[in-house]
Amino acid sequence: MEHDKKLTRVEGEMSEVFKRKVEQKEEKLRQTELSLGRKIEREFAEITAAKEELNARREEFLREKKIWEKEKSASVGDLLNEGGAEKGDRDFPEVPKNWGFMTLRRNKKK
């Protein structure tokens, strides 16, 4: 009898310890889930902010690029006028014979 009482008491204590351990593990799991959830939300907010900053910087770059291209671009007419006022300055020079290029004129002589 005494042995049965002791066995029942030990089983009760072991069951109680087991329940406490399970509760502790479940609480730790809930805390970990909450912590990870907050971390994910924080990282998502950081990514969203970085994305918005990147988009703003891209827009700024494109605006600056457009302004730069407008300032630096020149039409063919502007380039020709800046090169020289005389028509002779705009003509391409003749290719010297010693460069080795065959022209139609030279082919006719053969």
N, C-alpha and C. Protein backbone atom coordinates (compact mmCIF):
# COMPACT_ATOMS: atom_id res chain seq x y z
N MET A 1 0.80 -1.19 0.00
CA MET A 1 0.00 0.00 0.00
C MET A 1 0.85 1.27 0.00
N GLU A 2 1.77 1.27 0.89
CA GLU A 2 2.62 2.45 1.00
C GLU A 2 3.40 2.65 -0.29
N HIS A 3 3.80 1.55 -0.87
CA HIS A 3 4.54 1.62 -2.13
C HIS A 3 3.65 2.18 -3.24
N ASP A 4 2.38 1.77 -3.27
CA ASP A 4 1.44 2.26 -4.28
C ASP A 4 1.20 3.76 -4.12
N LYS A 5 1.09 4.24 -2.87
CA LYS A 5 0.90 5.66 -2.61
C LYS A 5 2.11 6.46 -3.09
N LYS A 6 3.28 5.91 -2.76
CA LYS A 6 4.51 6.59 -3.17
C LYS A 6 4.61 6.63 -4.70
N LEU A 7 4.26 5.52 -5.34
CA LEU A 7 4.30 5.44 -6.80
C LEU A 7 3.31 6.44 -7.42
N THR A 8 2.15 6.56 -6.87
CA THR A 8 1.13 7.50 -7.35
C THR A 8 1.62 8.94 -7.16
N ARG A 9 2.22 9.20 -6.01
CA ARG A 9 2.74 10.55 -5.74
C ARG A 9 3.85 10.90 -6.73
N VAL A 10 4.77 9.99 -6.97
CA VAL A 10 5.88 10.24 -7.89
C VAL A 10 5.35 10.44 -9.30
N GLU A 11 4.37 9.63 -9.69
CA GLU A 11 3.75 9.80 -11.01
C GLU A 11 3.11 11.18 -11.13
N GLY A 12 2.43 11.61 -10.10
CA GLY A 12 1.80 12.94 -10.08
C GLY A 12 2.84 14.04 -10.22
N GLU A 13 3.94 13.90 -9.46
CA GLU A 13 5.01 14.90 -9.53
C GLU A 13 5.64 14.93 -10.92
N MET A 14 5.88 13.76 -11.47
CA MET A 14 6.47 13.68 -12.81
C MET A 14 5.53 14.28 -13.86
N SER A 15 4.26 14.01 -13.70
CA SER A 15 3.27 14.56 -14.62
C SER A 15 3.24 16.08 -14.50
N GLU A 16 3.31 16.58 -13.28
CA GLU A 16 3.31 18.03 -13.04
C GLU A 16 4.57 18.68 -13.65
N VAL A 17 5.72 18.05 -13.46
CA VAL A 17 6.97 18.56 -14.02
C VAL A 17 6.86 18.56 -15.55
N PHE A 18 6.33 17.49 -16.11
CA PHE A 18 6.18 17.40 -17.56
C PHE A 18 5.29 18.53 -18.08
N LYS A 19 4.16 18.76 -17.41
CA LYS A 19 3.24 19.83 -17.83
C LYS A 19 3.93 21.19 -17.78
N ARG A 20 4.70 21.43 -16.70
CA ARG A 20 5.42 22.70 -16.57
C ARG A 20 6.43 22.88 -17.70
N LYS A 21 7.16 21.80 -18.02
CA LYS A 21 8.15 21.86 -19.10
C LYS A 21 7.46 22.15 -20.44
N VAL A 22 6.33 21.48 -20.67
CA VAL A 22 5.58 21.71 -21.92
C VAL A 22 5.11 23.16 -21.98
N GLU A 23 4.58 23.69 -20.88
CA GLU A 23 4.13 25.09 -20.84
C GLU A 23 5.29 26.05 -21.09
N GLN A 24 6.45 25.75 -20.49
CA GLN A 24 7.62 26.59 -20.70
C GLN A 24 8.05 26.57 -22.17
N LYS A 25 8.05 25.41 -22.77
CA LYS A 25 8.44 25.29 -24.18
C LYS A 25 7.44 26.04 -25.07
N GLU A 26 6.15 25.90 -24.77
CA GLU A 26 5.13 26.60 -25.56
C GLU A 26 5.27 28.11 -25.42
N GLU A 27 5.54 28.58 -24.21
CA GLU A 27 5.73 30.02 -23.98
C GLU A 27 6.96 30.51 -24.73
N LYS A 28 8.03 29.73 -24.68
CA LYS A 28 9.25 30.11 -25.40
C LYS A 28 8.98 30.16 -26.90
N LEU A 29 8.22 29.20 -27.40
CA LEU A 29 7.86 29.17 -28.81
C LEU A 29 7.03 30.40 -29.19
N ARG A 30 6.06 30.77 -28.36
CA ARG A 30 5.24 31.97 -28.62
C ARG A 30 6.11 33.23 -28.63
N GLN A 31 7.03 33.32 -27.66
CA GLN A 31 7.93 34.48 -27.60
C GLN A 31 8.82 34.54 -28.85
N THR A 32 9.31 33.40 -29.29
CA THR A 32 10.15 33.35 -30.48
C THR A 32 9.35 33.77 -31.71
N GLU A 33 8.11 33.28 -31.82
CA GLU A 33 7.26 33.67 -32.95
C GLU A 33 6.99 35.16 -32.96
N LEU A 34 6.70 35.74 -31.79
CA LEU A 34 6.46 37.17 -31.71
C LEU A 34 7.71 37.96 -32.10
N SER A 35 8.85 37.51 -31.58
CA SER A 35 10.11 38.18 -31.88
C SER A 35 10.41 38.13 -33.38
N LEU A 36 10.25 36.98 -33.97
CA LEU A 36 10.50 36.84 -35.41
C LEU A 36 9.49 37.66 -36.23
N GLY A 37 8.25 37.69 -35.78
CA GLY A 37 7.23 38.50 -36.46
C GLY A 37 7.60 39.98 -36.45
N ARG A 38 8.04 40.48 -35.29
CA ARG A 38 8.46 41.89 -35.20
C ARG A 38 9.68 42.15 -36.07
N LYS A 39 10.61 41.20 -36.08
CA LYS A 39 11.82 41.35 -36.89
C LYS A 39 11.48 41.41 -38.38
N ILE A 40 10.58 40.54 -38.81
CA ILE A 40 10.16 40.52 -40.21
C ILE A 40 9.48 41.83 -40.58
N GLU A 41 8.60 42.33 -39.72
CA GLU A 41 7.93 43.60 -39.98
C GLU A 41 8.93 44.74 -40.07
N ARG A 42 9.90 44.77 -39.17
CA ARG A 42 10.92 45.82 -39.17
C ARG A 42 11.76 45.76 -40.46
N GLU A 43 12.17 44.55 -40.84
CA GLU A 43 12.97 44.40 -42.05
C GLU A 43 12.15 44.78 -43.29
N PHE A 44 10.87 44.43 -43.30
CA PHE A 44 10.02 44.79 -44.42
C PHE A 44 9.88 46.30 -44.53
N ALA A 45 9.75 46.96 -43.39
CA ALA A 45 9.67 48.43 -43.39
C ALA A 45 10.97 49.04 -43.90
N GLU A 46 12.11 48.47 -43.50
CA GLU A 46 13.40 48.96 -43.98
C GLU A 46 13.54 48.77 -45.48
N ILE A 47 13.11 47.63 -45.98
CA ILE A 47 13.18 47.36 -47.41
C ILE A 47 12.28 48.32 -48.18
N THR A 48 11.10 48.56 -47.65
CA THR A 48 10.18 49.49 -48.30
C THR A 48 10.77 50.89 -48.34
N ALA A 49 11.37 51.32 -47.25
CA ALA A 49 11.99 52.65 -47.21
C ALA A 49 13.15 52.72 -48.20
N ALA A 50 13.97 51.68 -48.26
CA ALA A 50 15.10 51.65 -49.20
C ALA A 50 14.60 51.68 -50.64
N LYS A 51 13.52 50.97 -50.91
CA LYS A 51 12.93 50.95 -52.25
C LYS A 51 12.43 52.34 -52.64
N GLU A 52 11.76 53.01 -51.72
CA GLU A 52 11.27 54.36 -52.00
C GLU A 52 12.44 55.33 -52.23
N GLU A 53 13.49 55.20 -51.43
CA GLU A 53 14.67 56.06 -51.60
C GLU A 53 15.32 55.80 -52.96
N LEU A 54 15.42 54.52 -53.33
CA LEU A 54 16.00 54.17 -54.62
C LEU A 54 15.18 54.74 -55.77
N ASN A 55 13.87 54.65 -55.68
CA ASN A 55 13.01 55.22 -56.72
C ASN A 55 13.18 56.74 -56.80
N ALA A 56 13.27 57.39 -55.66
CA ALA A 56 13.46 58.85 -55.65
C ALA A 56 14.81 59.21 -56.27
N ARG A 57 15.84 58.46 -55.93
CA ARG A 57 17.18 58.73 -56.49
C ARG A 57 17.18 58.47 -58.00
N ARG A 58 16.46 57.43 -58.45
CA ARG A 58 16.38 57.12 -59.87
C ARG A 58 15.70 58.26 -60.62
N GLU A 59 14.60 58.77 -60.06
CA GLU A 59 13.89 59.88 -60.68
C GLU A 59 14.78 61.12 -60.75
N GLU A 60 15.50 61.38 -59.67
CA GLU A 60 16.40 62.53 -59.65
C GLU A 60 17.50 62.37 -60.70
N PHE A 61 18.05 61.16 -60.79
CA PHE A 61 19.08 60.90 -61.80
C PHE A 61 18.55 61.12 -63.20
N LEU A 62 17.35 60.60 -63.48
CA LEU A 62 16.78 60.76 -64.82
C LEU A 62 16.52 62.23 -65.15
N ARG A 63 16.08 63.00 -64.15
CA ARG A 63 15.89 64.44 -64.38
C ARG A 63 17.22 65.11 -64.69
N GLU A 64 18.24 64.80 -63.90
CA GLU A 64 19.56 65.39 -64.13
C GLU A 64 20.13 64.95 -65.48
N LYS A 65 19.91 63.69 -65.84
CA LYS A 65 20.40 63.18 -67.12
C LYS A 65 19.73 63.92 -68.28
N LYS A 66 18.44 64.12 -68.16
CA LYS A 66 17.70 64.83 -69.21
C LYS A 66 18.23 66.25 -69.36
N ILE A 67 18.46 66.94 -68.25
CA ILE A 67 19.00 68.30 -68.29
C ILE A 67 20.40 68.28 -68.89
N TRP A 68 21.23 67.34 -68.47
CA TRP A 68 22.60 67.25 -68.97
C TRP A 68 22.60 66.99 -70.48
N GLU A 69 21.76 66.04 -70.91
CA GLU A 69 21.70 65.73 -72.34
C GLU A 69 21.23 66.95 -73.14
N LYS A 70 20.29 67.68 -72.58
CA LYS A 70 19.78 68.87 -73.28
C LYS A 70 20.89 69.91 -73.40
N GLU A 71 21.67 70.10 -72.34
CA GLU A 71 22.75 71.08 -72.37
C GLU A 71 23.90 70.64 -73.28
N LYS A 72 24.20 69.36 -73.30
CA LYS A 72 25.36 68.87 -74.04
C LYS A 72 25.04 68.47 -75.47
N SER A 73 23.79 68.30 -75.80
CA SER A 73 23.46 67.87 -77.15
C SER A 73 23.57 69.04 -78.12
N ALA A 74 23.92 68.69 -79.31
CA ALA A 74 24.03 69.72 -80.36
C ALA A 74 23.56 69.08 -81.65
N SER A 75 22.92 69.87 -82.48
CA SER A 75 22.46 69.34 -83.75
C SER A 75 23.63 69.28 -84.72
N VAL A 76 23.45 68.56 -85.81
CA VAL A 76 24.49 68.44 -86.82
C VAL A 76 24.78 69.82 -87.41
N GLY A 77 23.75 70.60 -87.61
CA GLY A 77 23.93 71.95 -88.14
C GLY A 77 24.78 72.80 -87.22
N ASP A 78 24.56 72.69 -85.92
CA ASP A 78 25.38 73.46 -84.97
C ASP A 78 26.83 73.04 -85.05
N LEU A 79 27.07 71.73 -85.15
CA LEU A 79 28.44 71.25 -85.22
C LEU A 79 29.13 71.72 -86.50
N LEU A 80 28.40 71.69 -87.61
CA LEU A 80 28.99 72.15 -88.87
C LEU A 80 29.28 73.64 -88.83
N ASN A 81 28.39 74.40 -88.25
CA ASN A 81 28.59 75.85 -88.17
C ASN A 81 29.75 76.20 -87.24
N GLU A 82 29.93 75.43 -86.18
CA GLU A 82 31.03 75.71 -85.26
C GLU A 82 32.37 75.32 -85.86
N GLY A 83 32.39 74.31 -86.73
CA GLY A 83 33.63 73.81 -87.30
C GLY A 83 34.31 74.81 -88.21
N GLY A 84 33.59 75.56 -88.92
CA GLY A 84 34.18 76.54 -89.82
C GLY A 84 33.09 77.15 -90.67
N ALA A 85 33.23 78.38 -91.02
CA ALA A 85 32.18 79.07 -91.76
C ALA A 85 32.27 78.78 -93.24
N GLU A 86 33.43 78.41 -93.75
CA GLU A 86 33.59 78.19 -95.18
C GLU A 86 33.15 76.79 -95.56
N LYS A 87 32.64 76.66 -96.78
CA LYS A 87 32.17 75.36 -97.25
C LYS A 87 33.32 74.38 -97.37
N GLY A 88 34.47 74.83 -97.75
CA GLY A 88 35.64 73.97 -97.92
C GLY A 88 36.05 73.29 -96.62
N ASP A 89 35.80 73.90 -95.50
CA ASP A 89 36.15 73.31 -94.21
C ASP A 89 35.30 72.09 -93.89
N ARG A 90 34.12 72.04 -94.48
CA ARG A 90 33.20 70.95 -94.17
C ARG A 90 33.36 69.76 -95.10
N ASP A 91 34.08 69.92 -96.21
CA ASP A 91 34.27 68.82 -97.15
C ASP A 91 35.27 67.82 -96.59
N PHE A 92 35.09 66.58 -96.99
CA PHE A 92 36.03 65.56 -96.56
C PHE A 92 37.25 65.61 -97.45
N PRO A 93 38.42 65.40 -96.91
CA PRO A 93 39.65 65.45 -97.72
C PRO A 93 39.75 64.22 -98.61
N GLU A 94 40.53 64.35 -99.69
CA GLU A 94 40.79 63.22 -100.57
C GLU A 94 41.69 62.23 -99.83
N VAL A 95 41.53 60.98 -100.16
CA VAL A 95 42.36 59.94 -99.55
C VAL A 95 43.66 59.88 -100.34
N PRO A 96 44.80 60.01 -99.70
CA PRO A 96 46.07 59.95 -100.42
C PRO A 96 46.26 58.58 -101.08
N LYS A 97 46.96 58.56 -102.25
CA LYS A 97 47.15 57.32 -102.99
C LYS A 97 48.02 56.34 -102.22
N ASN A 98 48.92 56.84 -101.42
CA ASN A 98 49.83 55.93 -100.70
C ASN A 98 49.15 55.20 -99.54
N TRP A 99 47.88 55.46 -99.27
CA TRP A 99 47.16 54.72 -98.22
C TRP A 99 46.75 53.33 -98.68
N GLY A 100 46.82 53.08 -100.00
CA GLY A 100 46.53 51.74 -100.50
C GLY A 100 45.08 51.49 -100.81
N PHE A 101 44.23 52.49 -100.78
CA PHE A 101 42.83 52.29 -101.14
C PHE A 101 42.70 52.40 -102.64
N MET A 102 41.95 51.51 -103.21
CA MET A 102 41.73 51.57 -104.65
C MET A 102 40.44 52.34 -104.91
N THR A 103 40.51 53.24 -105.81
CA THR A 103 39.33 54.02 -106.15
C THR A 103 38.85 53.60 -107.52
N LEU A 104 37.66 54.00 -107.89
CA LEU A 104 37.13 53.67 -109.20
C LEU A 104 37.99 54.28 -110.31
N ARG A 105 38.50 55.45 -110.07
CA ARG A 105 39.34 56.12 -111.04
C ARG A 105 40.58 55.28 -111.35
N ARG A 106 41.21 54.75 -110.32
CA ARG A 106 42.43 53.96 -110.52
C ARG A 106 42.11 52.64 -111.20
N ASN A 107 40.97 52.06 -110.89
CA ASN A 107 40.61 50.79 -111.51
C ASN A 107 40.41 50.95 -113.01
N LYS A 108 39.95 52.08 -113.45
CA LYS A 108 39.71 52.33 -114.87
C LYS A 108 41.02 52.40 -115.63
N LYS A 109 42.11 52.80 -115.00
CA LYS A 109 43.40 52.96 -115.67
C LYS A 109 43.99 51.60 -116.04
N LYS A 110 43.65 50.56 -115.40
CA LYS A 110 44.24 49.24 -115.67
C LYS A 110 43.82 48.68 -116.94
